[in-house]
Amino acid sequence: MTTGLERMAAVTSGATVSILSDEQVVERVCAGEIDLFEVIMRRYNQRLYRVARGILGEDSEAEDVMQEAYVRVFSHLRQFAGRSSFATWLTKIAVYEALARARRRGRAVELDAMPEEAKETLMQTEQADGPEGSLLAQESRDLLEAAVGAIPTPYRVVFTLRTVEGLSTAETAAALGLSLEAVKTRLHRANALLRKDLSRRFGRAAMAAFAFAAPRCNRVVAAVMARILPS
């Protein structure tokens, strides 16, 4: 029986694996190369973590949702019809898993319901230069994460996919089951809640927000592979 490290080496040893499209990886997994499913997970761990955390607001629950989403995706891999991109299909499954968990926890989250108003989070930071710059950058990311976490879920999820994860309006709409106009409106509202000066100050820091670091990535990959590989 191969160890996790041996499986990782096998997956990453081929020079062509990293350039395979999602659809090519899926085809090979369906053909019996189950280890290659790890390629999919490592490609999309960051996105799924961000969207799940955007809905649930908690790290541990986001990881649980990721595992359940991946296992569900693997068990239905042959049903992927290619009507949308694999990335969109995968993201939608993670969204549904996160929403289902939120409902089970008694937290009603409706992505297609617009809250009337939300309290604006006011954030203030001091300017800093020189050797304190790196510390300020970390504090800025922490502050941005707190600000994003404070806005209502429908806006937060759209902001996460569009601004943090970099999806297009169309991709975000497809992943969340929203209209293009709804995505644009919610993104505008999210930016308003975060305030223009916060967006300007932390624009670059947004790309580093809610980072899915290597230990978390390896933990989720190992847990899912243990569930889907034959014993």
C-alpha atoms as a PDB file:
ATOM      1  CA  MET A   1       0.000   0.000   0.000  1.00  0.00           C
ATOM      2  CA  THR A   2       1.466   3.354  -1.002  1.00  0.00           C
ATOM      3  CA  THR A   3       1.987   6.164   1.467  1.00  0.00           C
ATOM      4  CA  GLY A   4       0.712   9.706   0.988  1.00  0.00           C
ATOM      5  CA  LEU A   5       4.207  10.891   0.067  1.00  0.00           C
ATOM      6  CA  GLU A   6       4.614   8.083  -2.467  1.00  0.00           C
ATOM      7  CA  ARG A   7       1.259   8.932  -4.021  1.00  0.00           C
ATOM      8  CA  MET A   8       2.227  12.613  -4.162  1.00  0.00           C
ATOM      9  CA  ALA A   9       5.509  11.759  -5.861  1.00  0.00           C
ATOM     10  CA  ALA A  10       3.723   9.558  -8.365  1.00  0.00           C
ATOM     11  CA  VAL A  11       1.208  12.266  -9.164  1.00  0.00           C
ATOM     12  CA  THR A  12       3.763  15.011  -9.593  1.00  0.00           C
ATOM     13  CA  SER A  13       6.566  13.018 -11.243  1.00  0.00           C
ATOM     14  CA  GLY A  14       5.169  13.173 -14.764  1.00  0.00           C
ATOM     15  CA  ALA A  15       6.191  16.330 -16.573  1.00  0.00           C
ATOM     16  CA  THR A  16       2.895  16.500 -18.417  1.00  0.00           C
ATOM     17  CA  VAL A  17       0.575  16.220 -15.413  1.00  0.00           C
ATOM     18  CA  SER A  18       0.745  19.882 -14.503  1.00  0.00           C
ATOM     19  CA  ILE A  19      -0.265  20.981 -18.003  1.00  0.00           C
ATOM     20  CA  LEU A  20      -3.199  18.607 -18.339  1.00  0.00           C
ATOM     21  CA  SER A  21      -6.558  20.337 -18.551  1.00  0.00           C
ATOM     22  CA  ASP A  22      -9.141  19.623 -15.884  1.00  0.00           C
ATOM     23  CA  GLU A  23     -11.130  17.594 -18.375  1.00  0.00           C
ATOM     24  CA  GLN A  24      -8.092  15.472 -19.254  1.00  0.00           C
ATOM     25  CA  VAL A  25      -7.411  14.808 -15.585  1.00  0.00           C
ATOM     26  CA  VAL A  26     -11.057  13.856 -15.053  1.00  0.00           C
ATOM     27  CA  GLU A  27     -10.928  11.474 -18.017  1.00  0.00           C
ATOM     28  CA  ARG A  28      -7.861   9.742 -16.636  1.00  0.00           C
ATOM     29  CA  VAL A  29      -9.311   9.515 -13.116  1.00  0.00           C
ATOM     30  CA  CYS A  30     -12.453   7.940 -14.557  1.00  0.00           C
ATOM     31  CA  ALA A  31     -10.224   5.504 -16.451  1.00  0.00           C
ATOM     32  CA  GLY A  32      -8.769   4.278 -13.169  1.00  0.00           C
ATOM     33  CA  GLU A  33      -5.928   6.673 -12.311  1.00  0.00           C
ATOM     34  CA  ILE A  34      -7.517   7.646  -9.010  1.00  0.00           C
ATOM     35  CA  ASP A  35      -4.297   9.161  -7.680  1.00  0.00           C
ATOM     36  CA  LEU A  36      -4.633  11.931 -10.247  1.00  0.00           C
ATOM     37  CA  PHE A  37      -7.641  13.279  -8.363  1.00  0.00           C
ATOM     38  CA  GLU A  38      -5.044  14.880  -6.108  1.00  0.00           C
ATOM     39  CA  VAL A  39      -4.148  17.169  -9.026  1.00  0.00           C
ATOM     40  CA  ILE A  40      -7.709  18.498  -9.043  1.00  0.00           C
ATOM     41  CA  MET A  41      -7.697  19.090  -5.310  1.00  0.00           C
ATOM     42  CA  ARG A  42      -4.418  20.974  -5.295  1.00  0.00           C
ATOM     43  CA  ARG A  43      -5.605  23.134  -8.184  1.00  0.00           C
ATOM     44  CA  TYR A  44      -8.825  24.154  -6.453  1.00  0.00           C
ATOM     45  CA  ASN A  45      -8.176  23.901  -2.701  1.00  0.00           C
ATOM     46  CA  GLN A  46      -7.644  27.644  -2.446  1.00  0.00           C
ATOM     47  CA  ARG A  47     -10.856  28.527  -4.290  1.00  0.00           C
ATOM     48  CA  LEU A  48     -13.048  26.021  -2.464  1.00  0.00           C
ATOM     49  CA  TYR A  49     -11.652  27.053   0.912  1.00  0.00           C
ATOM     50  CA  ARG A  50     -12.322  30.708   0.201  1.00  0.00           C
ATOM     51  CA  VAL A  51     -15.870  30.202  -1.010  1.00  0.00           C
ATOM     52  CA  ALA A  52     -16.757  27.787   1.818  1.00  0.00           C
ATOM     53  CA  ARG A  53     -15.265  30.110   4.408  1.00  0.00           C
ATOM     54  CA  GLY A  54     -17.079  33.017   2.792  1.00  0.00           C
ATOM     55  CA  ILE A  55     -20.389  31.265   3.433  1.00  0.00           C
ATOM     56  CA  LEU A  56     -19.659  29.700   6.813  1.00  0.00           C
ATOM     57  CA  GLY A  57     -17.152  32.122   8.312  1.00  0.00           C
ATOM     58  CA  GLU A  58     -15.152  29.414  10.080  1.00  0.00           C
ATOM     59  CA  ASP A  59     -11.911  27.691   9.065  1.00  0.00           C
ATOM     60  CA  SER A  60     -12.682  24.212  10.409  1.00  0.00           C
ATOM     61  CA  GLU A  61     -16.146  24.098   8.888  1.00  0.00           C
ATOM     62  CA  ALA A  62     -14.733  25.281   5.568  1.00  0.00           C
ATOM     63  CA  GLU A  63     -12.274  22.366   5.574  1.00  0.00           C
ATOM     64  CA  ASP A  64     -15.065  19.905   6.382  1.00  0.00           C
ATOM     65  CA  VAL A  65     -17.125  21.271   3.506  1.00  0.00           C
ATOM     66  CA  MET A  66     -14.170  20.943   1.153  1.00  0.00           C
ATOM     67  CA  GLN A  67     -13.739  17.285   2.020  1.00  0.00           C
ATOM     68  CA  GLU A  68     -17.419  16.528   1.547  1.00  0.00           C
ATOM     69  CA  ALA A  69     -17.485  18.448  -1.740  1.00  0.00           C
ATOM     70  CA  TYR A  70     -14.476  16.583  -3.112  1.00  0.00           C
ATOM     71  CA  VAL A  71     -15.866  13.189  -2.117  1.00  0.00           C
ATOM     72  CA  ARG A  72     -19.189  14.099  -3.752  1.00  0.00           C
ATOM     73  CA  VAL A  73     -17.398  15.290  -6.885  1.00  0.00           C
ATOM     74  CA  PHE A  74     -15.359  12.100  -7.067  1.00  0.00           C
ATOM     75  CA  SER A  75     -18.418   9.881  -6.649  1.00  0.00           C
ATOM     76  CA  HIS A  76     -20.232  11.753  -9.438  1.00  0.00           C
ATOM     77  CA  LEU A  77     -17.245  12.362 -11.683  1.00  0.00           C
ATOM     78  CA  ARG A  78     -18.677  10.313 -14.547  1.00  0.00           C
ATOM     79  CA  GLN A  79     -21.784  12.498 -14.478  1.00  0.00           C
ATOM     80  CA  PHE A  80     -19.849  15.651 -15.353  1.00  0.00           C
ATOM     81  CA  ALA A  81     -21.441  16.560 -18.649  1.00  0.00           C
ATOM     82  CA  GLY A  82     -19.195  19.403 -19.698  1.00  0.00           C
ATOM     83  CA  ARG A  83     -22.078  21.878 -20.100  1.00  0.00           C
ATOM     84  CA  SER A  84     -20.038  24.290 -17.965  1.00  0.00           C
ATOM     85  CA  SER A  85     -16.363  24.289 -17.085  1.00  0.00           C
ATOM     86  CA  PHE A  86     -15.220  21.694 -14.587  1.00  0.00           C
ATOM     87  CA  ALA A  87     -14.086  24.517 -12.280  1.00  0.00           C
ATOM     88  CA  THR A  88     -17.601  25.993 -12.260  1.00  0.00           C
ATOM     89  CA  TRP A  89     -19.192  22.586 -11.633  1.00  0.00           C
ATOM     90  CA  LEU A  90     -16.802  21.917  -8.762  1.00  0.00           C
ATOM     91  CA  THR A  91     -17.357  25.352  -7.234  1.00  0.00           C
ATOM     92  CA  LYS A  92     -21.149  24.977  -7.395  1.00  0.00           C
ATOM     93  CA  ILE A  93     -20.954  21.687  -5.518  1.00  0.00           C
ATOM     94  CA  ALA A  94     -18.836  23.332  -2.808  1.00  0.00           C
ATOM     95  CA  VAL A  95     -21.331  26.197  -2.595  1.00  0.00           C
ATOM     96  CA  TYR A  96     -24.245  23.769  -2.190  1.00  0.00           C
ATOM     97  CA  GLU A  97     -22.356  21.821   0.495  1.00  0.00           C
ATOM     98  CA  ALA A  98     -21.587  25.011   2.412  1.00  0.00           C
ATOM     99  CA  LEU A  99     -25.187  26.231   2.195  1.00  0.00           C
ATOM    100  CA  ALA A 100     -26.485  22.848   3.347  1.00  0.00           C
ATOM    101  CA  ARG A 101     -24.165  22.915   6.346  1.00  0.00           C
ATOM    102  CA  ALA A 102     -25.226  26.473   7.171  1.00  0.00           C
ATOM    103  CA  ARG A 103     -28.876  25.408   7.126  1.00  0.00           C
ATOM    104  CA  ARG A 104     -28.143  22.404   9.346  1.00  0.00           C
ATOM    105  CA  ARG A 105     -26.487  24.764  11.817  1.00  0.00           C
ATOM    106  CA  GLY A 106     -29.625  26.892  11.849  1.00  0.00           C
ATOM    107  CA  ARG A 107     -28.052  29.701   9.862  1.00  0.00           C
ATOM    108  CA  ALA A 108     -30.379  30.652   7.040  1.00  0.00           C
ATOM    109  CA  VAL A 109     -28.184  31.767   4.151  1.00  0.00           C
ATOM    110  CA  GLU A 110     -29.892  32.565   0.874  1.00  0.00           C
ATOM    111  CA  LEU A 111     -27.606  33.698  -1.899  1.00  0.00           C
ATOM    112  CA  ASP A 112     -30.548  34.868  -3.973  1.00  0.00           C
ATOM    113  CA  ALA A 113     -32.038  37.020  -1.198  1.00  0.00           C
ATOM    114  CA  MET A 114     -30.804  40.581  -0.888  1.00  0.00           C
ATOM    115  CA  PRO A 115     -30.717  41.877   2.704  1.00  0.00           C
ATOM    116  CA  GLU A 116     -32.263  45.327   2.987  1.00  0.00           C
ATOM    117  CA  GLU A 117     -29.322  47.004   4.667  1.00  0.00           C
ATOM    118  CA  ALA A 118     -26.071  46.049   6.338  1.00  0.00           C
ATOM    119  CA  LYS A 119     -24.043  47.954   8.866  1.00  0.00           C
ATOM    120  CA  GLU A 120     -20.925  49.363   7.303  1.00  0.00           C
ATOM    121  CA  THR A 121     -17.686  48.261   8.899  1.00  0.00           C
ATOM    122  CA  LEU A 122     -15.425  51.241   9.519  1.00  0.00           C
ATOM    123  CA  MET A 123     -11.762  50.357   9.540  1.00  0.00           C
ATOM    124  CA  GLN A 124      -8.874  52.709  10.319  1.00  0.00           C
ATOM    125  CA  THR A 125      -5.147  52.021   9.998  1.00  0.00           C
ATOM    126  CA  GLU A 126      -2.020  54.061  10.494  1.00  0.00           C
ATOM    127  CA  GLN A 127       0.456  54.742   7.689  1.00  0.00           C
ATOM    128  CA  ALA A 128       3.841  53.105   8.119  1.00  0.00           C
ATOM    129  CA  ASP A 129       7.060  53.016   6.169  1.00  0.00           C
ATOM    130  CA  GLY A 130      10.491  51.404   6.239  1.00  0.00           C
ATOM    131  CA  PRO A 131      11.204  48.130   8.074  1.00  0.00           C
ATOM    132  CA  GLU A 132       7.660  48.022   9.468  1.00  0.00           C
ATOM    133  CA  GLY A 133       6.248  47.625   5.975  1.00  0.00           C
ATOM    134  CA  SER A 134       6.076  43.822   6.034  1.00  0.00           C
ATOM    135  CA  LEU A 135       4.366  43.865   9.417  1.00  0.00           C
ATOM    136  CA  LEU A 136       1.857  46.396   8.136  1.00  0.00           C
ATOM    137  CA  ALA A 137       1.189  44.189   5.108  1.00  0.00           C
ATOM    138  CA  GLN A 138       0.322  41.266   7.396  1.00  0.00           C
ATOM    139  CA  GLU A 139      -1.803  43.474   9.613  1.00  0.00           C
ATOM    140  CA  SER A 140      -3.492  44.855   6.512  1.00  0.00           C
ATOM    141  CA  ARG A 141      -4.390  41.361   5.323  1.00  0.00           C
ATOM    142  CA  ASP A 142      -5.746  40.514   8.758  1.00  0.00           C
ATOM    143  CA  LEU A 143      -7.761  43.720   8.764  1.00  0.00           C
ATOM    144  CA  LEU A 144      -9.112  43.069   5.291  1.00  0.00           C
ATOM    145  CA  GLU A 145     -10.131  39.530   6.226  1.00  0.00           C
ATOM    146  CA  ALA A 146     -11.966  40.890   9.268  1.00  0.00           C
ATOM    147  CA  ALA A 147     -13.692  43.524   7.150  1.00  0.00           C
ATOM    148  CA  VAL A 148     -14.736  41.014   4.495  1.00  0.00           C
ATOM    149  CA  GLY A 149     -15.936  38.609   7.178  1.00  0.00           C
ATOM    150  CA  ALA A 150     -18.168  41.311   8.636  1.00  0.00           C
ATOM    151  CA  ILE A 151     -20.278  41.945   5.537  1.00  0.00           C
ATOM    152  CA  PRO A 152     -23.445  39.889   4.858  1.00  0.00           C
ATOM    153  CA  THR A 153     -22.913  36.480   3.256  1.00  0.00           C
ATOM    154  CA  PRO A 154     -24.517  37.207  -0.176  1.00  0.00           C
ATOM    155  CA  TYR A 155     -22.113  40.105  -0.710  1.00  0.00           C
ATOM    156  CA  ARG A 156     -19.150  38.380   0.906  1.00  0.00           C
ATOM    157  CA  VAL A 157     -19.353  35.325  -1.357  1.00  0.00           C
ATOM    158  CA  VAL A 158     -19.552  37.433  -4.511  1.00  0.00           C
ATOM    159  CA  PHE A 159     -16.651  39.607  -3.322  1.00  0.00           C
ATOM    160  CA  THR A 160     -14.591  36.502  -2.522  1.00  0.00           C
ATOM    161  CA  LEU A 161     -15.074  34.932  -5.944  1.00  0.00           C
ATOM    162  CA  ARG A 162     -14.765  38.118  -7.988  1.00  0.00           C
ATOM    163  CA  THR A 163     -12.114  40.143  -6.158  1.00  0.00           C
ATOM    164  CA  VAL A 164     -10.181  37.660  -4.048  1.00  0.00           C
ATOM    165  CA  GLU A 165     -10.327  34.625  -6.320  1.00  0.00           C
ATOM    166  CA  GLY A 166     -10.390  36.612  -9.570  1.00  0.00           C
ATOM    167  CA  LEU A 167     -13.315  34.909 -11.316  1.00  0.00           C
ATOM    168  CA  SER A 168     -15.130  36.768 -14.057  1.00  0.00           C
ATOM    169  CA  THR A 169     -18.668  38.040 -13.594  1.00  0.00           C
ATOM    170  CA  ALA A 170     -19.985  35.213 -15.765  1.00  0.00           C
ATOM    171  CA  GLU A 171     -18.043  32.558 -13.853  1.00  0.00           C
ATOM    172  CA  THR A 172     -19.238  33.915 -10.527  1.00  0.00           C
ATOM    173  CA  ALA A 173     -22.835  34.025 -11.736  1.00  0.00           C
ATOM    174  CA  ALA A 174     -22.629  30.428 -12.947  1.00  0.00           C
ATOM    175  CA  ALA A 175     -21.050  29.194  -9.719  1.00  0.00           C
ATOM    176  CA  LEU A 176     -23.643  30.860  -7.499  1.00  0.00           C
ATOM    177  CA  GLY A 177     -26.706  30.495  -9.721  1.00  0.00           C
ATOM    178  CA  LEU A 178     -27.178  34.262  -9.976  1.00  0.00           C
ATOM    179  CA  SER A 179     -27.801  36.633 -12.853  1.00  0.00           C
ATOM    180  CA  LEU A 180     -24.978  38.768 -14.197  1.00  0.00           C
ATOM    181  CA  GLU A 181     -26.754  41.871 -12.929  1.00  0.00           C
ATOM    182  CA  ALA A 182     -27.096  40.406  -9.440  1.00  0.00           C
ATOM    183  CA  VAL A 183     -23.366  39.671  -9.323  1.00  0.00           C
ATOM    184  CA  LYS A 184     -22.520  43.219 -10.418  1.00  0.00           C
ATOM    185  CA  THR A 185     -24.937  44.732  -7.904  1.00  0.00           C
ATOM    186  CA  ARG A 186     -23.641  42.684  -5.014  1.00  0.00           C
ATOM    187  CA  LEU A 187     -20.028  43.357  -5.852  1.00  0.00           C
ATOM    188  CA  HIS A 188     -20.802  47.074  -5.929  1.00  0.00           C
ATOM    189  CA  ARG A 189     -22.559  46.825  -2.569  1.00  0.00           C
ATOM    190  CA  ALA A 190     -19.696  44.802  -1.091  1.00  0.00           C
ATOM    191  CA  ASN A 191     -17.194  47.431  -2.146  1.00  0.00           C
ATOM    192  CA  ALA A 192     -19.407  50.136  -0.682  1.00  0.00           C
ATOM    193  CA  LEU A 193     -19.566  48.275   2.634  1.00  0.00           C
ATOM    194  CA  LEU A 194     -15.818  47.855   2.683  1.00  0.00           C
ATOM    195  CA  ARG A 195     -15.445  51.518   1.784  1.00  0.00           C
ATOM    196  CA  LYS A 196     -13.505  52.858  -1.151  1.00  0.00           C
ATOM    197  CA  ASP A 197     -10.466  53.833   0.864  1.00  0.00           C
ATOM    198  CA  LEU A 198     -10.233  50.308   2.327  1.00  0.00           C
ATOM    199  CA  SER A 199     -10.406  48.816  -1.156  1.00  0.00           C
ATOM    200  CA  ARG A 200      -7.684  51.170  -2.441  1.00  0.00           C
ATOM    201  CA  ARG A 201      -5.433  50.620   0.559  1.00  0.00           C
ATOM    202  CA  PHE A 202      -5.699  46.848   0.520  1.00  0.00           C
ATOM    203  CA  GLY A 203      -6.209  46.090  -3.156  1.00  0.00           C
ATOM    204  CA  ARG A 204      -3.058  44.036  -3.487  1.00  0.00           C
ATOM    205  CA  ALA A 205      -3.462  42.441  -0.083  1.00  0.00           C
ATOM    206  CA  ALA A 206      -6.796  40.949  -1.213  1.00  0.00           C
ATOM    207  CA  MET A 207      -4.979  38.361  -3.302  1.00  0.00           C
ATOM    208  CA  ALA A 208      -3.315  37.009  -0.151  1.00  0.00           C
ATOM    209  CA  ALA A 209      -6.465  36.994   1.985  1.00  0.00           C
ATOM    210  CA  PHE A 210      -7.765  33.680   3.358  1.00  0.00           C
ATOM    211  CA  ALA A 211      -4.646  31.866   2.187  1.00  0.00           C
ATOM    212  CA  PHE A 212      -4.946  28.087   2.140  1.00  0.00           C
ATOM    213  CA  ALA A 213      -1.460  27.252   3.406  1.00  0.00           C
ATOM    214  CA  ALA A 214       0.395  24.006   2.688  1.00  0.00           C
ATOM    215  CA  PRO A 215      -0.454  22.230   5.978  1.00  0.00           C
ATOM    216  CA  ARG A 216      -4.172  22.757   5.394  1.00  0.00           C
ATOM    217  CA  CYS A 217      -3.849  21.776   1.759  1.00  0.00           C
ATOM    218  CA  ASN A 218      -2.004  18.559   2.624  1.00  0.00           C
ATOM    219  CA  ARG A 219      -4.485  17.759   5.407  1.00  0.00           C
ATOM    220  CA  VAL A 220      -7.513  18.032   3.122  1.00  0.00           C
ATOM    221  CA  VAL A 221      -5.816  16.114   0.292  1.00  0.00           C
ATOM    222  CA  ALA A 222      -4.767  13.289   2.627  1.00  0.00           C
ATOM    223  CA  ALA A 223      -8.221  13.025   4.181  1.00  0.00           C
ATOM    224  CA  VAL A 224     -10.019  12.893   0.837  1.00  0.00           C
ATOM    225  CA  MET A 225      -7.582  10.447  -0.758  1.00  0.00           C
ATOM    226  CA  ALA A 226      -7.985   8.143   2.257  1.00  0.00           C
ATOM    227  CA  ARG A 227     -11.745   8.153   1.636  1.00  0.00           C
ATOM    228  CA  ILE A 228     -11.715   7.565  -2.111  1.00  0.00           C
ATOM    229  CA  LEU A 229      -8.770   5.188  -2.594  1.00  0.00           C
ATOM    230  CA  PRO A 230      -9.486   1.469  -2.236  1.00  0.00           C
ATOM    231  CA  SER A 231      -8.071   0.038   0.965  1.00  0.00           C
END
